[in-house]
Amino acid sequence: MKHIILEAPDRCGKNTAISYISSKHSNYTVRHFGKPEGYSNEEKTFFQKRDFLNEFCFAHSFFKNYKRNDKDLLIWNRSHIGEWPYGKIHRKSESSWIWSLEKDFLWENDDNKYLIFLYGDPEFLISNEDGNSLSAKLDDRKLELDYFNEAYELTSIKNKIKFKVNKNNKYKNISKLYNLISEFLKI
């Protein structure tokens, strides 16, 4: 079984990429992390810790206890990696706890874990803003991308790749992106 994480700032095409990957397989599970709940930053951080712990326990159990085919996929739309930028920027929280969770729960078999990081130029992402993103200002989006890149470097996931989704003020040809994803995942 392959465990695939798609991580990206908003407006980079995670859902579209997940739809493509899913269309190539008959047996897959997609899990999605939502926004943290709570009134204060502390409550939201606590929610994130609990939510990620529960999801990591699920993933650990999924891999350990079920007889799965090597072609089966567990796909995460967002992951603990997004807590690195979002926690720091929007909750002013220290987010290094995510690396302990990653180490403790997920990465026993590194060969079947994949991280696909989609990104774009901050100006491009802001110009395609739909009003639902946490970072709607250019400076915030630049900082968010810096933290995402930092998290990409810090993760212990060995099979990882970055894809830039835009060229100048347009999305890149999606079929090229799909070919790169297929090649990377060997699907």
N, C-alpha and C. Protein backbone atom coordinates (compact mmCIF):
# COMPACT_ATOMS: atom_id res chain seq x y z
N MET A 1 0.84 -1.19 0.00
CA MET A 1 0.00 0.00 0.00
C MET A 1 0.88 1.24 0.00
N LYS A 2 0.46 2.21 -0.79
CA LYS A 2 1.17 3.49 -0.83
C LYS A 2 0.42 4.52 0.00
N HIS A 3 1.17 5.26 0.79
CA HIS A 3 0.63 6.35 1.59
C HIS A 3 1.12 7.63 0.91
N ILE A 4 0.18 8.42 0.41
CA ILE A 4 0.50 9.61 -0.38
C ILE A 4 -0.06 10.84 0.33
N ILE A 5 0.81 11.80 0.57
CA ILE A 5 0.40 13.07 1.15
C ILE A 5 0.49 14.14 0.08
N LEU A 6 -0.60 14.86 -0.13
CA LEU A 6 -0.57 16.04 -0.98
C LEU A 6 -0.68 17.24 -0.08
N GLU A 7 0.33 18.08 -0.15
CA GLU A 7 0.39 19.25 0.72
C GLU A 7 0.67 20.46 -0.15
N ALA A 8 0.05 21.57 0.21
CA ALA A 8 0.23 22.80 -0.58
C ALA A 8 -0.52 23.94 0.07
N PRO A 9 -0.08 25.15 -0.23
CA PRO A 9 -0.91 26.30 0.12
C PRO A 9 -2.20 26.24 -0.71
N ASP A 10 -3.18 27.03 -0.30
CA ASP A 10 -4.43 27.08 -1.05
C ASP A 10 -4.20 27.57 -2.48
N ARG A 11 -5.04 27.08 -3.37
CA ARG A 11 -5.10 27.45 -4.79
C ARG A 11 -4.00 26.79 -5.63
N CYS A 12 -3.44 25.69 -5.11
CA CYS A 12 -2.39 24.99 -5.86
C CYS A 12 -2.89 23.71 -6.56
N GLY A 13 -4.12 23.32 -6.33
CA GLY A 13 -4.67 22.20 -7.06
C GLY A 13 -4.59 20.85 -6.38
N LYS A 14 -4.59 20.83 -5.05
CA LYS A 14 -4.55 19.54 -4.34
C LYS A 14 -5.73 18.65 -4.71
N ASN A 15 -6.93 19.20 -4.68
CA ASN A 15 -8.11 18.40 -4.98
C ASN A 15 -8.08 17.85 -6.41
N THR A 16 -7.63 18.66 -7.33
CA THR A 16 -7.53 18.23 -8.72
C THR A 16 -6.51 17.10 -8.86
N ALA A 17 -5.38 17.25 -8.20
CA ALA A 17 -4.36 16.20 -8.25
C ALA A 17 -4.86 14.91 -7.60
N ILE A 18 -5.58 15.03 -6.51
CA ILE A 18 -6.13 13.84 -5.84
C ILE A 18 -7.15 13.16 -6.74
N SER A 19 -7.97 13.94 -7.42
CA SER A 19 -8.94 13.35 -8.36
C SER A 19 -8.22 12.58 -9.46
N TYR A 20 -7.12 13.13 -9.94
CA TYR A 20 -6.36 12.43 -10.97
C TYR A 20 -5.79 11.12 -10.44
N ILE A 21 -5.13 11.17 -9.30
CA ILE A 21 -4.53 9.95 -8.72
C ILE A 21 -5.62 8.90 -8.46
N SER A 22 -6.73 9.34 -7.91
CA SER A 22 -7.83 8.42 -7.61
C SER A 22 -8.40 7.79 -8.87
N SER A 23 -8.41 8.53 -9.96
CA SER A 23 -8.97 8.00 -11.21
C SER A 23 -8.14 6.87 -11.78
N LYS A 24 -6.90 6.73 -11.32
CA LYS A 24 -6.01 5.69 -11.82
C LYS A 24 -6.10 4.40 -11.00
N HIS A 25 -6.94 4.41 -9.97
CA HIS A 25 -7.01 3.26 -9.06
C HIS A 25 -8.43 2.93 -8.69
N SER A 26 -8.66 1.67 -8.42
CA SER A 26 -10.00 1.27 -7.98
C SER A 26 -10.08 1.14 -6.46
N ASN A 27 -8.94 1.03 -5.78
CA ASN A 27 -8.98 0.85 -4.34
C ASN A 27 -8.12 1.91 -3.66
N TYR A 28 -8.77 2.95 -3.19
CA TYR A 28 -8.07 4.04 -2.53
C TYR A 28 -8.95 4.60 -1.43
N THR A 29 -8.31 5.25 -0.48
CA THR A 29 -9.00 5.96 0.58
C THR A 29 -8.42 7.37 0.62
N VAL A 30 -9.29 8.36 0.63
CA VAL A 30 -8.85 9.75 0.73
C VAL A 30 -9.29 10.28 2.09
N ARG A 31 -8.34 10.83 2.81
CA ARG A 31 -8.60 11.46 4.11
C ARG A 31 -8.28 12.94 3.97
N HIS A 32 -9.08 13.78 4.61
CA HIS A 32 -8.89 15.22 4.49
C HIS A 32 -8.84 15.85 5.87
N PHE A 33 -7.82 16.64 6.09
CA PHE A 33 -7.73 17.42 7.32
C PHE A 33 -8.41 18.75 7.10
N GLY A 34 -9.27 19.12 8.02
CA GLY A 34 -9.97 20.39 7.93
C GLY A 34 -9.31 21.44 8.81
N LYS A 35 -10.01 22.52 8.96
CA LYS A 35 -9.52 23.61 9.80
C LYS A 35 -9.71 23.24 11.27
N PRO A 36 -8.80 23.71 12.12
CA PRO A 36 -8.93 23.40 13.55
C PRO A 36 -10.13 24.08 14.18
N GLU A 37 -10.68 23.42 15.17
CA GLU A 37 -11.82 23.97 15.89
C GLU A 37 -11.37 24.55 17.22
N GLY A 38 -12.12 25.50 17.71
CA GLY A 38 -11.83 26.13 18.98
C GLY A 38 -11.95 27.63 18.88
N TYR A 39 -11.99 28.28 20.05
CA TYR A 39 -12.14 29.74 20.09
C TYR A 39 -10.79 30.43 20.20
N SER A 40 -9.91 29.88 21.00
CA SER A 40 -8.61 30.51 21.19
C SER A 40 -7.55 29.77 20.37
N ASN A 41 -6.41 30.39 20.21
CA ASN A 41 -5.30 29.73 19.51
C ASN A 41 -4.86 28.47 20.24
N GLU A 42 -4.91 28.50 21.58
CA GLU A 42 -4.53 27.32 22.36
C GLU A 42 -5.50 26.16 22.10
N GLU A 43 -6.80 26.47 22.06
CA GLU A 43 -7.80 25.43 21.78
C GLU A 43 -7.61 24.86 20.37
N LYS A 44 -7.32 25.72 19.42
CA LYS A 44 -7.12 25.26 18.04
C LYS A 44 -5.86 24.40 17.94
N THR A 45 -4.81 24.78 18.63
CA THR A 45 -3.59 23.97 18.63
C THR A 45 -3.84 22.62 19.29
N PHE A 46 -4.57 22.62 20.40
CA PHE A 46 -4.92 21.37 21.07
C PHE A 46 -5.73 20.48 20.13
N PHE A 47 -6.69 21.07 19.43
CA PHE A 47 -7.48 20.33 18.46
C PHE A 47 -6.58 19.70 17.40
N GLN A 48 -5.64 20.48 16.88
CA GLN A 48 -4.74 19.96 15.86
C GLN A 48 -3.93 18.78 16.38
N LYS A 49 -3.39 18.91 17.58
CA LYS A 49 -2.60 17.81 18.16
C LYS A 49 -3.44 16.55 18.28
N ARG A 50 -4.65 16.71 18.79
CA ARG A 50 -5.53 15.55 18.96
C ARG A 50 -5.95 14.97 17.60
N ASP A 51 -6.30 15.84 16.67
CA ASP A 51 -6.75 15.41 15.35
C ASP A 51 -5.64 14.66 14.61
N PHE A 52 -4.44 15.20 14.62
CA PHE A 52 -3.32 14.52 13.96
C PHE A 52 -2.97 13.21 14.64
N LEU A 53 -3.00 13.20 15.97
CA LEU A 53 -2.72 11.96 16.69
C LEU A 53 -3.74 10.88 16.31
N ASN A 54 -5.01 11.25 16.28
CA ASN A 54 -6.05 10.29 15.88
C ASN A 54 -5.83 9.80 14.45
N GLU A 55 -5.52 10.71 13.56
CA GLU A 55 -5.32 10.33 12.16
C GLU A 55 -4.06 9.48 12.00
N PHE A 56 -3.02 9.79 12.72
CA PHE A 56 -1.80 8.99 12.64
C PHE A 56 -2.03 7.59 13.20
N CYS A 57 -2.82 7.50 14.28
CA CYS A 57 -3.17 6.18 14.82
C CYS A 57 -3.97 5.40 13.80
N PHE A 58 -4.91 6.07 13.12
CA PHE A 58 -5.67 5.43 12.06
C PHE A 58 -4.74 4.90 10.97
N ALA A 59 -3.82 5.75 10.50
CA ALA A 59 -2.91 5.34 9.44
C ALA A 59 -2.03 4.18 9.88
N HIS A 60 -1.55 4.25 11.10
CA HIS A 60 -0.70 3.18 11.63
C HIS A 60 -1.48 1.87 11.66
N SER A 61 -2.69 1.92 12.15
CA SER A 61 -3.54 0.73 12.20
C SER A 61 -3.87 0.23 10.81
N PHE A 62 -4.16 1.14 9.93
CA PHE A 62 -4.49 0.81 8.55
C PHE A 62 -3.37 0.00 7.90
N PHE A 63 -2.15 0.45 8.11
CA PHE A 63 -1.00 -0.23 7.52
C PHE A 63 -0.67 -1.54 8.21
N LYS A 64 -0.85 -1.59 9.51
CA LYS A 64 -0.45 -2.77 10.28
C LYS A 64 -1.47 -3.90 10.24
N ASN A 65 -2.76 -3.57 10.28
CA ASN A 65 -3.77 -4.57 10.56
C ASN A 65 -4.59 -5.06 9.37
N TYR A 66 -4.49 -4.40 8.26
CA TYR A 66 -5.29 -4.81 7.12
C TYR A 66 -4.41 -5.36 6.03
N LYS A 67 -4.81 -6.47 5.47
CA LYS A 67 -4.09 -7.04 4.34
C LYS A 67 -4.44 -6.19 3.13
N ARG A 68 -3.47 -5.48 2.64
CA ARG A 68 -3.71 -4.57 1.54
C ARG A 68 -2.83 -4.93 0.36
N ASN A 69 -3.29 -4.60 -0.78
CA ASN A 69 -2.55 -4.80 -2.01
C ASN A 69 -1.53 -3.67 -2.15
N ASP A 70 -0.39 -3.97 -2.74
CA ASP A 70 0.63 -2.93 -2.95
C ASP A 70 0.13 -1.78 -3.80
N LYS A 71 -0.91 -2.00 -4.57
CA LYS A 71 -1.44 -0.94 -5.44
C LYS A 71 -2.50 -0.09 -4.74
N ASP A 72 -2.93 -0.48 -3.54
CA ASP A 72 -3.90 0.30 -2.79
C ASP A 72 -3.26 1.61 -2.34
N LEU A 73 -4.11 2.64 -2.21
CA LEU A 73 -3.60 3.96 -1.85
C LEU A 73 -4.34 4.52 -0.64
N LEU A 74 -3.59 5.12 0.27
CA LEU A 74 -4.14 5.96 1.32
C LEU A 74 -3.64 7.36 1.00
N ILE A 75 -4.56 8.26 0.67
CA ILE A 75 -4.20 9.61 0.22
C ILE A 75 -4.67 10.61 1.26
N TRP A 76 -3.77 11.47 1.68
CA TRP A 76 -4.13 12.55 2.59
C TRP A 76 -4.14 13.87 1.85
N ASN A 77 -5.27 14.56 1.93
CA ASN A 77 -5.38 15.91 1.43
C ASN A 77 -5.04 16.81 2.61
N ARG A 78 -3.84 17.30 2.60
CA ARG A 78 -3.21 18.02 3.70
C ARG A 78 -2.69 17.01 4.70
N SER A 79 -1.87 17.50 5.61
CA SER A 79 -1.28 16.62 6.61
C SER A 79 -0.69 17.46 7.73
N HIS A 80 0.05 16.78 8.58
CA HIS A 80 0.75 17.43 9.68
C HIS A 80 1.72 18.49 9.18
N ILE A 81 2.22 18.34 7.98
CA ILE A 81 3.20 19.28 7.43
C ILE A 81 2.61 20.68 7.31
N GLY A 82 1.34 20.78 7.00
CA GLY A 82 0.69 22.08 6.92
C GLY A 82 0.58 22.79 8.24
N GLU A 83 0.69 22.04 9.34
CA GLU A 83 0.66 22.68 10.66
C GLU A 83 1.90 23.54 10.88
N TRP A 84 2.99 23.19 10.21
CA TRP A 84 4.22 23.99 10.37
C TRP A 84 3.96 25.44 9.96
N PRO A 85 3.49 25.73 8.74
CA PRO A 85 3.22 27.14 8.42
C PRO A 85 1.95 27.69 9.08
N TYR A 86 0.87 26.92 9.04
CA TYR A 86 -0.40 27.46 9.53
C TYR A 86 -0.39 27.68 11.04
N GLY A 87 0.22 26.78 11.79
CA GLY A 87 0.31 26.96 13.23
C GLY A 87 1.15 28.17 13.59
N LYS A 88 2.28 28.30 12.92
CA LYS A 88 3.18 29.42 13.21
C LYS A 88 2.54 30.77 12.85
N ILE A 89 1.91 30.82 11.68
CA ILE A 89 1.38 32.10 11.20
C ILE A 89 0.05 32.46 11.85
N HIS A 90 -0.87 31.52 11.89
CA HIS A 90 -2.25 31.86 12.27
C HIS A 90 -2.58 31.58 13.72
N ARG A 91 -1.81 30.72 14.39
CA ARG A 91 -2.08 30.44 15.80
C ARG A 91 -0.90 30.82 16.70
N LYS A 92 0.16 31.32 16.08
CA LYS A 92 1.36 31.73 16.81
C LYS A 92 1.83 30.61 17.74
N SER A 93 1.73 29.36 17.26
CA SER A 93 2.10 28.21 18.08
C SER A 93 3.43 27.63 17.64
N GLU A 94 4.10 27.05 18.57
CA GLU A 94 5.34 26.33 18.32
C GLU A 94 4.91 24.96 17.80
N SER A 95 5.34 24.60 16.60
CA SER A 95 4.77 23.43 15.92
C SER A 95 5.73 22.25 15.79
N SER A 96 6.82 22.24 16.52
CA SER A 96 7.80 21.16 16.36
C SER A 96 7.26 19.79 16.80
N TRP A 97 6.15 19.77 17.54
CA TRP A 97 5.54 18.50 17.96
C TRP A 97 5.14 17.63 16.78
N ILE A 98 4.94 18.22 15.61
CA ILE A 98 4.53 17.41 14.46
C ILE A 98 5.60 16.42 14.05
N TRP A 99 6.87 16.76 14.28
CA TRP A 99 7.95 15.85 13.87
C TRP A 99 8.01 14.63 14.77
N SER A 100 7.66 14.78 16.04
CA SER A 100 7.59 13.62 16.93
C SER A 100 6.48 12.68 16.50
N LEU A 101 5.33 13.24 16.14
CA LEU A 101 4.24 12.40 15.65
C LEU A 101 4.66 11.66 14.38
N GLU A 102 5.28 12.36 13.49
CA GLU A 102 5.73 11.75 12.24
C GLU A 102 6.66 10.57 12.52
N LYS A 103 7.60 10.80 13.39
CA LYS A 103 8.58 9.75 13.72
C LYS A 103 7.93 8.56 14.42
N ASP A 104 7.03 8.83 15.34
CA ASP A 104 6.44 7.77 16.16
C ASP A 104 5.41 6.92 15.43
N PHE A 105 4.72 7.48 14.45
CA PHE A 105 3.58 6.76 13.90
C PHE A 105 3.66 6.35 12.44
N LEU A 106 4.30 7.13 11.61
CA LEU A 106 4.05 6.93 10.19
C LEU A 106 5.15 6.24 9.40
N TRP A 107 6.36 6.34 9.78
CA TRP A 107 7.38 6.11 8.77
C TRP A 107 8.19 4.84 8.99
N GLU A 108 7.54 3.78 9.38
CA GLU A 108 8.24 2.52 9.58
C GLU A 108 8.70 1.90 8.26
N ASN A 109 7.93 2.06 7.21
CA ASN A 109 8.29 1.54 5.91
C ASN A 109 8.37 2.72 4.94
N ASP A 110 9.54 3.31 4.86
CA ASP A 110 9.72 4.53 4.09
C ASP A 110 9.48 4.36 2.60
N ASP A 111 9.63 3.15 2.08
CA ASP A 111 9.52 2.95 0.65
C ASP A 111 8.12 3.23 0.11
N ASN A 112 7.11 3.14 0.95
CA ASN A 112 5.74 3.31 0.49
C ASN A 112 5.09 4.62 0.94
N LYS A 113 5.89 5.57 1.38
CA LYS A 113 5.39 6.87 1.82
C LYS A 113 5.86 7.93 0.82
N TYR A 114 4.92 8.75 0.38
CA TYR A 114 5.21 9.76 -0.64
C TYR A 114 4.65 11.11 -0.23
N LEU A 115 5.41 12.16 -0.48
CA LEU A 115 4.95 13.52 -0.26
C LEU A 115 5.02 14.26 -1.59
N ILE A 116 3.89 14.78 -1.99
CA ILE A 116 3.82 15.64 -3.17
C ILE A 116 3.49 17.03 -2.67
N PHE A 117 4.41 17.94 -2.89
CA PHE A 117 4.24 19.32 -2.46
C PHE A 117 4.02 20.19 -3.69
N LEU A 118 2.85 20.78 -3.78
CA LEU A 118 2.51 21.69 -4.87
C LEU A 118 2.70 23.12 -4.37
N TYR A 119 3.23 23.96 -5.22
CA TYR A 119 3.42 25.36 -4.82
C TYR A 119 3.34 26.25 -6.06
N GLY A 120 3.22 27.52 -5.83
CA GLY A 120 3.19 28.49 -6.91
C GLY A 120 3.76 29.81 -6.43
N ASP A 121 3.93 30.70 -7.38
CA ASP A 121 4.38 32.04 -7.01
C ASP A 121 3.32 32.70 -6.15
N PRO A 122 3.73 33.37 -5.07
CA PRO A 122 2.74 33.99 -4.17
C PRO A 122 1.78 34.94 -4.90
N GLU A 123 2.31 35.73 -5.82
CA GLU A 123 1.47 36.68 -6.56
C GLU A 123 0.41 35.95 -7.38
N PHE A 124 0.81 34.84 -7.98
CA PHE A 124 -0.12 34.04 -8.77
C PHE A 124 -1.21 33.45 -7.88
N LEU A 125 -0.82 32.90 -6.75
CA LEU A 125 -1.80 32.28 -5.85
C LEU A 125 -2.80 33.31 -5.33
N ILE A 126 -2.30 34.50 -5.00
CA ILE A 126 -3.18 35.57 -4.53
C ILE A 126 -4.13 36.00 -5.64
N SER A 127 -3.64 36.05 -6.87
CA SER A 127 -4.51 36.48 -7.99
C SER A 127 -5.62 35.46 -8.26
N ASN A 128 -5.46 34.23 -7.81
CA ASN A 128 -6.47 33.19 -8.00
C ASN A 128 -7.24 32.90 -6.72
N GLU A 129 -7.12 33.77 -5.77
CA GLU A 129 -7.75 33.60 -4.46
C GLU A 129 -9.27 33.52 -4.60
N ASP A 130 -9.86 32.57 -3.86
CA ASP A 130 -11.31 32.38 -3.89
C ASP A 130 -12.00 32.93 -2.65
N GLY A 131 -11.24 33.53 -1.75
CA GLY A 131 -11.82 34.09 -0.53
C GLY A 131 -11.87 33.12 0.64
N ASN A 132 -11.46 31.89 0.44
CA ASN A 132 -11.52 30.88 1.51
C ASN A 132 -10.16 30.57 2.13
N SER A 133 -9.12 31.20 1.67
CA SER A 133 -7.76 30.92 2.17
C SER A 133 -7.49 31.67 3.45
N LEU A 134 -6.62 31.11 4.27
CA LEU A 134 -6.21 31.79 5.49
C LEU A 134 -5.28 32.95 5.19
N SER A 135 -4.47 32.82 4.15
CA SER A 135 -3.50 33.86 3.81
C SER A 135 -3.94 34.54 2.52
N ALA A 136 -4.62 35.66 2.66
CA ALA A 136 -5.11 36.38 1.49
C ALA A 136 -4.27 37.60 1.16
N LYS A 137 -3.26 37.88 1.99
CA LYS A 137 -2.36 39.00 1.74
C LYS A 137 -1.06 38.46 1.19
N LEU A 138 -0.44 39.23 0.31
CA LEU A 138 0.78 38.78 -0.36
C LEU A 138 1.90 38.46 0.63
N ASP A 139 2.13 39.32 1.61
CA ASP A 139 3.20 39.06 2.58
C ASP A 139 2.94 37.79 3.38
N ASP A 140 1.68 37.57 3.74
CA ASP A 140 1.33 36.33 4.46
C ASP A 140 1.57 35.11 3.58
N ARG A 141 1.20 35.22 2.31
CA ARG A 141 1.38 34.09 1.39
C ARG A 141 2.87 33.79 1.18
N LYS A 142 3.69 34.83 1.10
CA LYS A 142 5.13 34.61 0.97
C LYS A 142 5.68 33.90 2.19
N LEU A 143 5.29 34.34 3.38
CA LEU A 143 5.74 33.70 4.62
C LEU A 143 5.24 32.26 4.68
N GLU A 144 4.00 32.05 4.31
CA GLU A 144 3.43 30.70 4.28
C GLU A 144 4.27 29.78 3.38
N LEU A 145 4.61 30.24 2.21
CA LEU A 145 5.43 29.44 1.29
C LEU A 145 6.82 29.17 1.86
N ASP A 146 7.40 30.16 2.53
CA ASP A 146 8.70 29.94 3.18
C ASP A 146 8.60 28.83 4.21
N TYR A 147 7.55 28.87 5.03
CA TYR A 147 7.38 27.83 6.05
C TYR A 147 7.05 26.46 5.44
N PHE A 148 6.27 26.46 4.38
CA PHE A 148 6.01 25.18 3.69
C PHE A 148 7.31 24.58 3.17
N ASN A 149 8.14 25.42 2.57
CA ASN A 149 9.44 24.93 2.07
C ASN A 149 10.32 24.43 3.21
N GLU A 150 10.30 25.13 4.32
CA GLU A 150 11.05 24.70 5.49
C GLU A 150 10.55 23.33 5.98
N ALA A 151 9.24 23.16 6.04
CA ALA A 151 8.67 21.87 6.47
C ALA A 151 9.03 20.77 5.49
N TYR A 152 9.03 21.08 4.22
CA TYR A 152 9.42 20.11 3.19
C TYR A 152 10.84 19.61 3.45
N GLU A 153 11.72 20.50 3.84
CA GLU A 153 13.11 20.12 4.13
C GLU A 153 13.22 19.36 5.44
N LEU A 154 12.38 19.67 6.42
CA LEU A 154 12.48 19.06 7.75
C LEU A 154 11.85 17.67 7.84
N THR A 155 10.88 17.37 6.99
CA THR A 155 10.20 16.09 7.10
C THR A 155 11.16 14.92 6.88
N SER A 156 10.85 13.81 7.54
CA SER A 156 11.68 12.62 7.37
C SER A 156 11.21 11.74 6.21
N ILE A 157 10.17 12.17 5.52
CA ILE A 157 9.70 11.42 4.36
C ILE A 157 10.78 11.47 3.29
N LYS A 158 11.19 10.31 2.84
CA LYS A 158 12.29 10.24 1.86
C LYS A 158 11.81 10.42 0.43
N ASN A 159 10.66 9.87 0.10
CA ASN A 159 10.11 9.99 -1.25
C ASN A 159 9.28 11.26 -1.33
N LYS A 160 9.91 12.35 -1.72
CA LYS A 160 9.19 13.62 -1.77
C LYS A 160 9.59 14.38 -3.02
N ILE A 161 8.65 15.17 -3.48
CA ILE A 161 8.90 15.94 -4.69
C ILE A 161 8.06 17.21 -4.65
N LYS A 162 8.60 18.26 -5.28
CA LYS A 162 7.90 19.53 -5.39
C LYS A 162 7.49 19.74 -6.85
N PHE A 163 6.29 20.31 -7.02
CA PHE A 163 5.82 20.68 -8.35
C PHE A 163 5.32 22.11 -8.31
N LYS A 164 5.86 22.93 -9.17
CA LYS A 164 5.36 24.30 -9.28
C LYS A 164 4.17 24.29 -10.23
N VAL A 165 3.07 24.90 -9.81
CA VAL A 165 1.83 24.79 -10.56
C VAL A 165 1.60 25.92 -11.56
N ASN A 166 2.42 26.95 -11.52
CA ASN A 166 2.19 28.05 -12.46
C ASN A 166 3.46 28.42 -13.22
N LYS A 167 3.22 29.03 -14.37
CA LYS A 167 4.28 29.68 -15.13
C LYS A 167 3.74 31.07 -15.42
N ASN A 168 4.44 32.06 -14.89
CA ASN A 168 3.97 33.44 -14.97
C ASN A 168 2.58 33.55 -14.36
N ASN A 169 1.58 34.00 -15.14
CA ASN A 169 0.26 34.23 -14.55
C ASN A 169 -0.77 33.17 -14.96
N LYS A 170 -0.28 31.97 -15.33
CA LYS A 170 -1.19 30.89 -15.73
C LYS A 170 -0.78 29.58 -15.07
N TYR A 171 -1.79 28.72 -14.84
CA TYR A 171 -1.49 27.37 -14.39
C TYR A 171 -0.75 26.65 -15.49
N LYS A 172 0.21 25.82 -15.10
CA LYS A 172 0.92 25.00 -16.08
C LYS A 172 -0.02 23.96 -16.67
N ASN A 173 0.39 23.40 -17.76
CA ASN A 173 -0.37 22.34 -18.41
C ASN A 173 -0.56 21.18 -17.44
N ILE A 174 -1.80 20.88 -17.12
CA ILE A 174 -2.12 19.89 -16.09
C ILE A 174 -1.67 18.49 -16.50
N SER A 175 -1.68 18.17 -17.77
CA SER A 175 -1.27 16.82 -18.19
C SER A 175 0.21 16.59 -17.92
N LYS A 176 1.02 17.63 -18.02
CA LYS A 176 2.45 17.49 -17.67
C LYS A 176 2.61 17.20 -16.19
N LEU A 177 1.84 17.91 -15.37
CA LEU A 177 1.88 17.67 -13.93
C LEU A 177 1.46 16.24 -13.63
N TYR A 178 0.40 15.77 -14.27
CA TYR A 178 -0.07 14.40 -14.05
C TYR A 178 0.97 13.38 -14.48
N ASN A 179 1.64 13.64 -15.58
CA ASN A 179 2.70 12.72 -16.01
C ASN A 179 3.82 12.66 -14.98
N LEU A 180 4.19 13.80 -14.43
CA LEU A 180 5.24 13.83 -13.40
C LEU A 180 4.79 13.10 -12.14
N ILE A 181 3.54 13.30 -11.74
CA ILE A 181 3.02 12.61 -10.56
C ILE A 181 3.00 11.10 -10.80
N SER A 182 2.52 10.68 -11.97
CA SER A 182 2.48 9.24 -12.29
C SER A 182 3.86 8.62 -12.26
N GLU A 183 4.82 9.33 -12.82
CA GLU A 183 6.20 8.85 -12.83
C GLU A 183 6.75 8.74 -11.40
N PHE A 184 6.51 9.76 -10.61
CA PHE A 184 7.00 9.80 -9.24
C PHE A 184 6.39 8.66 -8.40
N LEU A 185 5.09 8.45 -8.54
CA LEU A 185 4.39 7.44 -7.75
C LEU A 185 4.48 6.03 -8.36
N LYS A 186 4.98 5.97 -9.59
CA LYS A 186 5.06 4.70 -10.32
C LYS A 186 3.67 4.08 -10.46
N ILE A 187 2.73 4.90 -10.94
CA ILE A 187 1.36 4.42 -11.16
C ILE A 187 1.02 4.46 -12.64
